[in-house]
Amino acid sequence: MEISLDDHTWVVDRSLKSVWWRQPTFLRNTPHEPLSLDEQLSRSQWPAFLRGLMVFDDARWINHPAMTYRAETKPWQLHIAAKLGFDVPKTIITNDPVAPIEGTIGKRVAVKSVDTVLLREGDQQFFAYTQLLDWSDIATNDLCAAPVVIQEAISPKLDLRVTVLGEQAWTVAVTADGRAIEGDWRLKKKGQLAYPTFDLPLDVEQRCIALVRAMGLVYGAIDLAVSGDRFIFIEINPTGEWGWLDNPERPLAKAIAAALQK
């Protein structure tokens, strides 16, 4: 592969040792105006070209694109986590307002999108967070428009983020004003949040490492919830942010750089 920009040229050949695949390239956001033919062509062909870089199959990918796309699929995450012995929330994916929710996972439920939702309307953007709602407020004809993930509401709970790289794992709790958070912690202002180190039981930590390995990944950001004596799997993000956790106690940047050098 030859890359030219201005007066500079780079050549990437089969000796490529490692690739840091920062983010997926598929487009989730909906354009706020119709795309021209040129824009439609560009949006379809450049992502396809980037996926084609998988021909460098002797390199170490963090993470491999095919594994990244698969790992972002919520039903697949839950399936593999359950097979590995994780405590997984009772879950239904449905667009049916008369689905049997009441007797399955209770009246108050956690509602999530099946995939990341990023929508546009005019100059505004909309992002969907997890919401704790009564099923009766959701079970309307509007639900028929698209499926959603309905899970048992976990309350009270303490949020954990487990960052896994190969055989290493770093765990923090996520708190606001020194307390556990009800609902989705991403709805809190950043200034309220703290990320103290959390001592994860060894068996749970090893299960997190095994999950990343089983999904064909090298890196994964895993969200768990602690409720009583339960360590509950929420989700894994194969391209999850880590810069906000990097410090001398958790040298994530150095660890990633070392993994790419191996």
C-alpha atoms as a PDB file:
ATOM      1  CA  MET A   1       0.000   0.000   0.000  1.00  0.00           C
ATOM      2  CA  GLU A   2       1.424   3.372  -1.049  1.00  0.00           C
ATOM      3  CA  ILE A   3       0.273   6.555   0.661  1.00  0.00           C
ATOM      4  CA  SER A   4       1.160   9.958  -0.778  1.00  0.00           C
ATOM      5  CA  LEU A   5       0.425  13.345   0.775  1.00  0.00           C
ATOM      6  CA  ASP A   6       1.991  16.533  -0.569  1.00  0.00           C
ATOM      7  CA  ASP A   7       5.706  15.760  -0.980  1.00  0.00           C
ATOM      8  CA  HIS A   8       5.713  12.718   1.305  1.00  0.00           C
ATOM      9  CA  THR A   9       5.218   9.061   0.403  1.00  0.00           C
ATOM     10  CA  TRP A  10       4.925   6.048   2.705  1.00  0.00           C
ATOM     11  CA  VAL A  11       4.933   2.401   1.674  1.00  0.00           C
ATOM     12  CA  VAL A  12       3.302  -0.276   3.843  1.00  0.00           C
ATOM     13  CA  ASP A  13       4.232  -3.832   2.877  1.00  0.00           C
ATOM     14  CA  ARG A  14       3.837  -7.336   4.246  1.00  0.00           C
ATOM     15  CA  SER A  15       6.389  -6.602   6.958  1.00  0.00           C
ATOM     16  CA  LEU A  16       3.756  -4.553   8.812  1.00  0.00           C
ATOM     17  CA  LYS A  17       3.921  -5.752  12.436  1.00  0.00           C
ATOM     18  CA  SER A  18       0.916  -4.194  14.163  1.00  0.00           C
ATOM     19  CA  VAL A  19      -2.184  -2.089  13.590  1.00  0.00           C
ATOM     20  CA  TRP A  20      -4.045   0.076  16.108  1.00  0.00           C
ATOM     21  CA  TRP A  21      -7.645  -0.012  14.802  1.00  0.00           C
ATOM     22  CA  ARG A  22      -8.924   3.005  16.656  1.00  0.00           C
ATOM     23  CA  GLN A  23     -12.618   3.052  15.732  1.00  0.00           C
ATOM     24  CA  PRO A  24     -15.076   1.275  13.476  1.00  0.00           C
ATOM     25  CA  THR A  25     -15.684   3.122  10.233  1.00  0.00           C
ATOM     26  CA  PHE A  26     -19.330   2.303   9.563  1.00  0.00           C
ATOM     27  CA  LEU A  27     -21.577   5.351   9.661  1.00  0.00           C
ATOM     28  CA  ARG A  28     -24.275   5.372  12.328  1.00  0.00           C
ATOM     29  CA  ASN A  29     -25.337   8.989  12.020  1.00  0.00           C
ATOM     30  CA  THR A  30     -28.101   9.969   9.626  1.00  0.00           C
ATOM     31  CA  PRO A  31     -27.234  12.896   7.313  1.00  0.00           C
ATOM     32  CA  HIS A  32     -29.432  15.949   7.878  1.00  0.00           C
ATOM     33  CA  GLU A  33     -29.828  16.502   4.130  1.00  0.00           C
ATOM     34  CA  PRO A  34     -29.812  14.231   1.071  1.00  0.00           C
ATOM     35  CA  LEU A  35     -26.368  13.123  -0.062  1.00  0.00           C
ATOM     36  CA  SER A  36     -25.097  13.822  -3.546  1.00  0.00           C
ATOM     37  CA  LEU A  37     -24.087  10.908  -5.770  1.00  0.00           C
ATOM     38  CA  ASP A  38     -20.407  11.699  -5.116  1.00  0.00           C
ATOM     39  CA  GLU A  39     -20.967  11.678  -1.340  1.00  0.00           C
ATOM     40  CA  GLN A  40     -22.881   8.405  -1.496  1.00  0.00           C
ATOM     41  CA  LEU A  41     -20.071   6.852  -3.514  1.00  0.00           C
ATOM     42  CA  SER A  42     -17.409   8.104  -1.098  1.00  0.00           C
ATOM     43  CA  ARG A  43     -19.310   6.898   1.977  1.00  0.00           C
ATOM     44  CA  SER A  44     -19.677   3.400   0.585  1.00  0.00           C
ATOM     45  CA  GLN A  45     -16.244   2.900  -0.958  1.00  0.00           C
ATOM     46  CA  TRP A  46     -13.832   4.375   1.614  1.00  0.00           C
ATOM     47  CA  PRO A  47     -15.117   2.185   4.471  1.00  0.00           C
ATOM     48  CA  ALA A  48     -14.892  -0.804   2.127  1.00  0.00           C
ATOM     49  CA  PHE A  49     -11.282   0.129   1.325  1.00  0.00           C
ATOM     50  CA  LEU A  50     -10.421   0.342   5.031  1.00  0.00           C
ATOM     51  CA  ARG A  51     -11.998  -3.052   5.676  1.00  0.00           C
ATOM     52  CA  GLY A  52      -9.795  -4.341   2.875  1.00  0.00           C
ATOM     53  CA  LEU A  53      -6.731  -3.586   5.015  1.00  0.00           C
ATOM     54  CA  MET A  54      -7.476  -6.936   6.636  1.00  0.00           C
ATOM     55  CA  VAL A  55      -5.197  -8.359   3.928  1.00  0.00           C
ATOM     56  CA  PHE A  56      -2.400  -7.503   6.367  1.00  0.00           C
ATOM     57  CA  ASP A  57      -3.287 -10.675   8.232  1.00  0.00           C
ATOM     58  CA  ASP A  58       0.194 -11.321   9.642  1.00  0.00           C
ATOM     59  CA  ALA A  59       0.070  -8.102  11.667  1.00  0.00           C
ATOM     60  CA  ARG A  60      -1.181  -7.946  15.246  1.00  0.00           C
ATOM     61  CA  TRP A  61      -4.432  -6.025  15.229  1.00  0.00           C
ATOM     62  CA  ILE A  62      -5.795  -4.267  18.311  1.00  0.00           C
ATOM     63  CA  ASN A  63      -8.494  -5.097  17.466  1.00  0.00           C
ATOM     64  CA  HIS A  64      -9.075  -6.955  14.195  1.00  0.00           C
ATOM     65  CA  PRO A  65     -11.917  -5.221  12.252  1.00  0.00           C
ATOM     66  CA  ALA A  66     -13.988  -8.371  11.743  1.00  0.00           C
ATOM     67  CA  MET A  67     -13.787  -9.213  15.455  1.00  0.00           C
ATOM     68  CA  THR A  68     -14.584  -5.602  16.350  1.00  0.00           C
ATOM     69  CA  TYR A  69     -17.781  -5.552  14.297  1.00  0.00           C
ATOM     70  CA  ARG A  70     -18.921  -8.868  15.745  1.00  0.00           C
ATOM     71  CA  ALA A  71     -18.060  -7.869  19.320  1.00  0.00           C
ATOM     72  CA  GLU A  72     -20.178  -4.727  19.071  1.00  0.00           C
ATOM     73  CA  THR A  73     -23.306  -6.843  18.596  1.00  0.00           C
ATOM     74  CA  LYS A  74     -25.185  -6.829  21.917  1.00  0.00           C
ATOM     75  CA  PRO A  75     -26.900 -10.245  21.557  1.00  0.00           C
ATOM     76  CA  TRP A  76     -23.532 -11.820  20.702  1.00  0.00           C
ATOM     77  CA  GLN A  77     -21.925 -10.180  23.749  1.00  0.00           C
ATOM     78  CA  LEU A  78     -24.607 -11.533  26.065  1.00  0.00           C
ATOM     79  CA  HIS A  79     -24.429 -14.967  24.435  1.00  0.00           C
ATOM     80  CA  ILE A  80     -20.675 -15.350  24.902  1.00  0.00           C
ATOM     81  CA  ALA A  81     -20.709 -13.820  28.396  1.00  0.00           C
ATOM     82  CA  ALA A  82     -23.398 -16.282  29.512  1.00  0.00           C
ATOM     83  CA  LYS A  83     -21.449 -19.220  28.045  1.00  0.00           C
ATOM     84  CA  LEU A  84     -18.427 -18.159  30.103  1.00  0.00           C
ATOM     85  CA  GLY A  85     -20.460 -18.139  33.311  1.00  0.00           C
ATOM     86  CA  PHE A  86     -21.124 -14.417  33.737  1.00  0.00           C
ATOM     87  CA  ASP A  87     -24.227 -13.323  35.592  1.00  0.00           C
ATOM     88  CA  VAL A  88     -26.196 -11.800  32.678  1.00  0.00           C
ATOM     89  CA  PRO A  89     -29.355  -9.710  33.109  1.00  0.00           C
ATOM     90  CA  LYS A  90     -32.626 -11.212  31.962  1.00  0.00           C
ATOM     91  CA  THR A  91     -33.050  -9.733  28.497  1.00  0.00           C
ATOM     92  CA  ILE A  92     -35.669  -9.423  25.779  1.00  0.00           C
ATOM     93  CA  ILE A  93     -35.120  -7.699  22.424  1.00  0.00           C
ATOM     94  CA  THR A  94     -38.487  -6.724  21.005  1.00  0.00           C
ATOM     95  CA  ASN A  95     -40.640  -4.207  19.162  1.00  0.00           C
ATOM     96  CA  ASP A  96     -43.819  -5.835  20.472  1.00  0.00           C
ATOM     97  CA  PRO A  97     -45.837  -3.712  22.949  1.00  0.00           C
ATOM     98  CA  VAL A  98     -47.590  -6.855  24.214  1.00  0.00           C
ATOM     99  CA  ALA A  99     -44.375  -8.836  24.728  1.00  0.00           C
ATOM    100  CA  PRO A 100     -44.367 -10.897  27.968  1.00  0.00           C
ATOM    101  CA  ILE A 101     -42.238  -8.451  29.952  1.00  0.00           C
ATOM    102  CA  GLU A 102     -44.194  -8.311  33.202  1.00  0.00           C
ATOM    103  CA  GLY A 103     -43.742 -11.899  34.304  1.00  0.00           C
ATOM    104  CA  THR A 104     -40.221 -12.170  32.914  1.00  0.00           C
ATOM    105  CA  ILE A 105     -38.181  -9.272  34.240  1.00  0.00           C
ATOM    106  CA  GLY A 106     -40.497  -7.136  36.288  1.00  0.00           C
ATOM    107  CA  LYS A 107     -42.388  -3.900  35.758  1.00  0.00           C
ATOM    108  CA  ARG A 108     -39.513  -1.409  35.944  1.00  0.00           C
ATOM    109  CA  VAL A 109     -36.960  -2.131  33.215  1.00  0.00           C
ATOM    110  CA  ALA A 110     -33.722  -0.841  31.711  1.00  0.00           C
ATOM    111  CA  VAL A 111     -34.285   0.238  28.109  1.00  0.00           C
ATOM    112  CA  LYS A 112     -31.339   0.308  25.675  1.00  0.00           C
ATOM    113  CA  SER A 113     -30.840   0.607  21.955  1.00  0.00           C
ATOM    114  CA  VAL A 114     -29.816  -2.512  20.054  1.00  0.00           C
ATOM    115  CA  ASP A 115     -26.967  -0.485  18.528  1.00  0.00           C
ATOM    116  CA  THR A 116     -25.580   2.978  19.224  1.00  0.00           C
ATOM    117  CA  VAL A 117     -28.189   5.609  18.301  1.00  0.00           C
ATOM    118  CA  LEU A 118     -26.909   8.876  16.836  1.00  0.00           C
ATOM    119  CA  LEU A 119     -29.627  10.849  15.055  1.00  0.00           C
ATOM    120  CA  ARG A 120     -29.851  14.287  13.470  1.00  0.00           C
ATOM    121  CA  GLU A 121     -32.717  16.724  13.170  1.00  0.00           C
ATOM    122  CA  GLY A 122     -31.715  20.033  11.631  1.00  0.00           C
ATOM    123  CA  ASP A 123     -28.699  21.283  13.575  1.00  0.00           C
ATOM    124  CA  GLN A 124     -29.403  19.035  16.572  1.00  0.00           C
ATOM    125  CA  GLN A 125     -27.896  15.644  17.345  1.00  0.00           C
ATOM    126  CA  PHE A 126     -29.535  13.019  19.540  1.00  0.00           C
ATOM    127  CA  PHE A 127     -27.812  10.187  21.413  1.00  0.00           C
ATOM    128  CA  ALA A 128     -29.652   7.415  23.243  1.00  0.00           C
ATOM    129  CA  TYR A 129     -28.657   6.534  26.809  1.00  0.00           C
ATOM    130  CA  THR A 130     -29.926   3.685  28.974  1.00  0.00           C
ATOM    131  CA  GLN A 131     -33.151   4.668  30.726  1.00  0.00           C
ATOM    132  CA  LEU A 132     -34.947   3.123  33.716  1.00  0.00           C
ATOM    133  CA  LEU A 133     -38.644   3.213  32.852  1.00  0.00           C
ATOM    134  CA  ASP A 134     -41.922   1.524  33.662  1.00  0.00           C
ATOM    135  CA  TRP A 135     -42.855  -1.016  30.989  1.00  0.00           C
ATOM    136  CA  SER A 136     -46.321   0.559  30.761  1.00  0.00           C
ATOM    137  CA  ASP A 137     -44.702   3.792  29.489  1.00  0.00           C
ATOM    138  CA  ILE A 138     -42.881   1.902  26.722  1.00  0.00           C
ATOM    139  CA  ALA A 139     -45.560  -0.546  25.617  1.00  0.00           C
ATOM    140  CA  THR A 140     -47.214   1.700  23.019  1.00  0.00           C
ATOM    141  CA  ASN A 141     -47.608   1.455  19.271  1.00  0.00           C
ATOM    142  CA  ASP A 142     -44.505   3.652  18.878  1.00  0.00           C
ATOM    143  CA  LEU A 143     -42.440   0.676  20.021  1.00  0.00           C
ATOM    144  CA  CYS A 144     -43.288  -1.102  16.760  1.00  0.00           C
ATOM    145  CA  ALA A 145     -41.021   1.274  14.815  1.00  0.00           C
ATOM    146  CA  ALA A 146     -37.794  -0.418  15.928  1.00  0.00           C
ATOM    147  CA  PRO A 147     -36.640  -3.127  18.347  1.00  0.00           C
ATOM    148  CA  VAL A 148     -35.116  -2.195  21.698  1.00  0.00           C
ATOM    149  CA  VAL A 149     -33.251  -4.100  24.394  1.00  0.00           C
ATOM    150  CA  ILE A 150     -35.314  -4.560  27.556  1.00  0.00           C
ATOM    151  CA  GLN A 151     -33.462  -5.800  30.642  1.00  0.00           C
ATOM    152  CA  GLU A 152     -34.173  -6.246  34.309  1.00  0.00           C
ATOM    153  CA  ALA A 153     -33.482  -3.033  36.205  1.00  0.00           C
ATOM    154  CA  ILE A 154     -30.496  -3.493  38.521  1.00  0.00           C
ATOM    155  CA  SER A 155     -30.901  -1.376  41.630  1.00  0.00           C
ATOM    156  CA  PRO A 156     -29.068  -0.629  43.782  1.00  0.00           C
ATOM    157  CA  LYS A 157     -25.788  -1.178  41.942  1.00  0.00           C
ATOM    158  CA  LEU A 158     -22.216   0.032  41.668  1.00  0.00           C
ATOM    159  CA  ASP A 159     -20.835   0.524  38.151  1.00  0.00           C
ATOM    160  CA  LEU A 160     -17.441  -0.983  37.294  1.00  0.00           C
ATOM    161  CA  ARG A 161     -15.257  -0.490  34.217  1.00  0.00           C
ATOM    162  CA  VAL A 162     -12.808  -3.323  33.548  1.00  0.00           C
ATOM    163  CA  THR A 163     -10.200  -2.480  30.907  1.00  0.00           C
ATOM    164  CA  VAL A 164      -8.603  -5.623  29.498  1.00  0.00           C
ATOM    165  CA  LEU A 165      -5.485  -5.814  27.356  1.00  0.00           C
ATOM    166  CA  GLY A 166      -4.308  -9.332  26.644  1.00  0.00           C
ATOM    167  CA  GLU A 167      -3.772 -11.007  30.017  1.00  0.00           C
ATOM    168  CA  GLN A 168      -3.909  -7.728  31.987  1.00  0.00           C
ATOM    169  CA  ALA A 169      -6.944  -6.067  33.525  1.00  0.00           C
ATOM    170  CA  TRP A 170      -7.508  -2.782  35.356  1.00  0.00           C
ATOM    171  CA  THR A 171     -10.760  -2.157  37.247  1.00  0.00           C
ATOM    172  CA  VAL A 172     -12.305   1.053  38.545  1.00  0.00           C
ATOM    173  CA  ALA A 173     -15.633   1.897  40.140  1.00  0.00           C
ATOM    174  CA  VAL A 174     -17.601   4.813  38.708  1.00  0.00           C
ATOM    175  CA  THR A 175     -19.097   7.085  41.360  1.00  0.00           C
ATOM    176  CA  ALA A 176     -20.690  10.526  41.487  1.00  0.00           C
ATOM    177  CA  ASP A 177     -20.043  12.738  44.497  1.00  0.00           C
ATOM    178  CA  GLY A 178     -18.630   9.663  46.249  1.00  0.00           C
ATOM    179  CA  ARG A 179     -21.756   7.543  45.784  1.00  0.00           C
ATOM    180  CA  ALA A 180     -23.004   4.826  43.451  1.00  0.00           C
ATOM    181  CA  ILE A 181     -25.118   6.029  40.525  1.00  0.00           C
ATOM    182  CA  GLU A 182     -28.709   5.126  39.714  1.00  0.00           C
ATOM    183  CA  GLY A 183     -29.204   4.562  35.989  1.00  0.00           C
ATOM    184  CA  ASP A 184     -26.683   5.446  33.253  1.00  0.00           C
ATOM    185  CA  TRP A 185     -23.592   7.143  34.722  1.00  0.00           C
ATOM    186  CA  ARG A 186     -22.867   8.842  31.379  1.00  0.00           C
ATOM    187  CA  LEU A 187     -25.755  11.216  32.088  1.00  0.00           C
ATOM    188  CA  LYS A 188     -23.794  12.737  34.984  1.00  0.00           C
ATOM    189  CA  LYS A 189     -21.577  15.790  34.535  1.00  0.00           C
ATOM    190  CA  LYS A 190     -17.921  14.818  34.185  1.00  0.00           C
ATOM    191  CA  GLY A 191     -16.943  17.011  37.120  1.00  0.00           C
ATOM    192  CA  GLN A 192     -19.123  14.918  39.430  1.00  0.00           C
ATOM    193  CA  LEU A 193     -17.536  11.598  38.465  1.00  0.00           C
ATOM    194  CA  ALA A 194     -14.649   9.780  40.121  1.00  0.00           C
ATOM    195  CA  TYR A 195     -12.992   6.493  39.164  1.00  0.00           C
ATOM    196  CA  PRO A 196     -11.405   4.884  42.239  1.00  0.00           C
ATOM    197  CA  THR A 197      -9.528   1.622  41.778  1.00  0.00           C
ATOM    198  CA  PHE A 198     -11.668  -1.414  42.614  1.00  0.00           C
ATOM    199  CA  ASP A 199     -10.353  -4.810  43.764  1.00  0.00           C
ATOM    200  CA  LEU A 200     -12.184  -7.222  41.497  1.00  0.00           C
ATOM    201  CA  PRO A 201     -12.392 -10.839  42.703  1.00  0.00           C
ATOM    202  CA  LEU A 202      -9.817 -12.931  40.872  1.00  0.00           C
ATOM    203  CA  ASP A 203     -12.381 -15.290  39.328  1.00  0.00           C
ATOM    204  CA  VAL A 204     -14.373 -12.371  37.882  1.00  0.00           C
ATOM    205  CA  GLU A 205     -11.205 -10.722  36.566  1.00  0.00           C
ATOM    206  CA  GLN A 206     -10.120 -13.961  34.886  1.00  0.00           C
ATOM    207  CA  ARG A 207     -13.584 -14.297  33.347  1.00  0.00           C
ATOM    208  CA  CYS A 208     -13.251 -10.784  31.891  1.00  0.00           C
ATOM    209  CA  ILE A 209      -9.890 -11.697  30.347  1.00  0.00           C
ATOM    210  CA  ALA A 210     -11.387 -14.920  28.993  1.00  0.00           C
ATOM    211  CA  LEU A 211     -14.295 -12.965  27.464  1.00  0.00           C
ATOM    212  CA  VAL A 212     -11.957 -10.678  25.506  1.00  0.00           C
ATOM    213  CA  ARG A 213     -10.006 -13.716  24.297  1.00  0.00           C
ATOM    214  CA  ALA A 214     -13.162 -15.672  23.370  1.00  0.00           C
ATOM    215  CA  MET A 215     -14.399 -12.765  21.251  1.00  0.00           C
ATOM    216  CA  GLY A 216     -11.154 -12.728  19.257  1.00  0.00           C
ATOM    217  CA  LEU A 217     -10.064  -9.407  20.754  1.00  0.00           C
ATOM    218  CA  VAL A 218      -6.862  -8.150  22.338  1.00  0.00           C
ATOM    219  CA  TYR A 219      -8.450  -5.100  23.971  1.00  0.00           C
ATOM    220  CA  GLY A 220     -11.902  -4.647  25.493  1.00  0.00           C
ATOM    221  CA  ALA A 221     -13.644  -2.217  27.852  1.00  0.00           C
ATOM    222  CA  ILE A 222     -16.133  -4.182  29.947  1.00  0.00           C
ATOM    223  CA  ASP A 223     -18.944  -2.679  31.995  1.00  0.00           C
ATOM    224  CA  LEU A 224     -20.067  -4.641  35.061  1.00  0.00           C
ATOM    225  CA  ALA A 225     -22.528  -3.823  37.824  1.00  0.00           C
ATOM    226  CA  VAL A 226     -22.181  -4.963  41.435  1.00  0.00           C
ATOM    227  CA  SER A 227     -25.456  -5.547  43.249  1.00  0.00           C
ATOM    228  CA  GLY A 228     -25.232  -7.346  46.570  1.00  0.00           C
ATOM    229  CA  ASP A 229     -23.008 -10.352  45.918  1.00  0.00           C
ATOM    230  CA  ARG A 230     -23.721 -10.340  42.153  1.00  0.00           C
ATOM    231  CA  PHE A 231     -21.162  -9.199  39.557  1.00  0.00           C
ATOM    232  CA  ILE A 232     -23.393  -8.636  36.552  1.00  0.00           C
ATOM    233  CA  PHE A 233     -22.176  -8.334  32.957  1.00  0.00           C
ATOM    234  CA  ILE A 234     -23.583  -5.266  31.185  1.00  0.00           C
ATOM    235  CA  GLU A 235     -21.628  -4.970  27.939  1.00  0.00           C
ATOM    236  CA  ILE A 236     -18.217  -4.890  26.276  1.00  0.00           C
ATOM    237  CA  ASN A 237     -16.936  -2.164  23.969  1.00  0.00           C
ATOM    238  CA  PRO A 238     -14.076  -3.353  21.715  1.00  0.00           C
ATOM    239  CA  THR A 239     -13.064   0.251  20.990  1.00  0.00           C
ATOM    240  CA  GLY A 240     -13.940   1.720  24.391  1.00  0.00           C
ATOM    241  CA  GLU A 241     -12.249   4.920  25.525  1.00  0.00           C
ATOM    242  CA  TRP A 242      -9.367   4.507  27.955  1.00  0.00           C
ATOM    243  CA  GLY A 243      -7.604   7.897  28.029  1.00  0.00           C
ATOM    244  CA  TRP A 244      -9.736   9.085  30.946  1.00  0.00           C
ATOM    245  CA  LEU A 245      -8.411   6.177  33.061  1.00  0.00           C
ATOM    246  CA  ASP A 246      -4.728   6.392  32.102  1.00  0.00           C
ATOM    247  CA  ASN A 247      -2.466   7.393  35.002  1.00  0.00           C
ATOM    248  CA  PRO A 248       0.703   6.118  36.752  1.00  0.00           C
ATOM    249  CA  GLU A 249      -1.425   3.599  38.668  1.00  0.00           C
ATOM    250  CA  ARG A 250      -3.063   2.401  35.431  1.00  0.00           C
ATOM    251  CA  PRO A 251      -0.454   2.906  32.652  1.00  0.00           C
ATOM    252  CA  LEU A 252      -2.804   1.966  29.814  1.00  0.00           C
ATOM    253  CA  ALA A 253      -1.048   3.955  27.079  1.00  0.00           C
ATOM    254  CA  LYS A 254       2.294   2.298  27.838  1.00  0.00           C
ATOM    255  CA  ALA A 255       0.670  -1.128  27.976  1.00  0.00           C
ATOM    256  CA  ILE A 256      -1.020  -0.638  24.588  1.00  0.00           C
ATOM    257  CA  ALA A 257       2.219   0.624  23.049  1.00  0.00           C
ATOM    258  CA  ALA A 258       4.083  -2.402  24.440  1.00  0.00           C
ATOM    259  CA  ALA A 259       1.416  -4.764  23.052  1.00  0.00           C
ATOM    260  CA  LEU A 260       1.768  -3.193  19.594  1.00  0.00           C
ATOM    261  CA  GLN A 261       5.559  -3.628  19.749  1.00  0.00           C
ATOM    262  CA  LYS A 262       5.396  -7.358  20.483  1.00  0.00           C
END
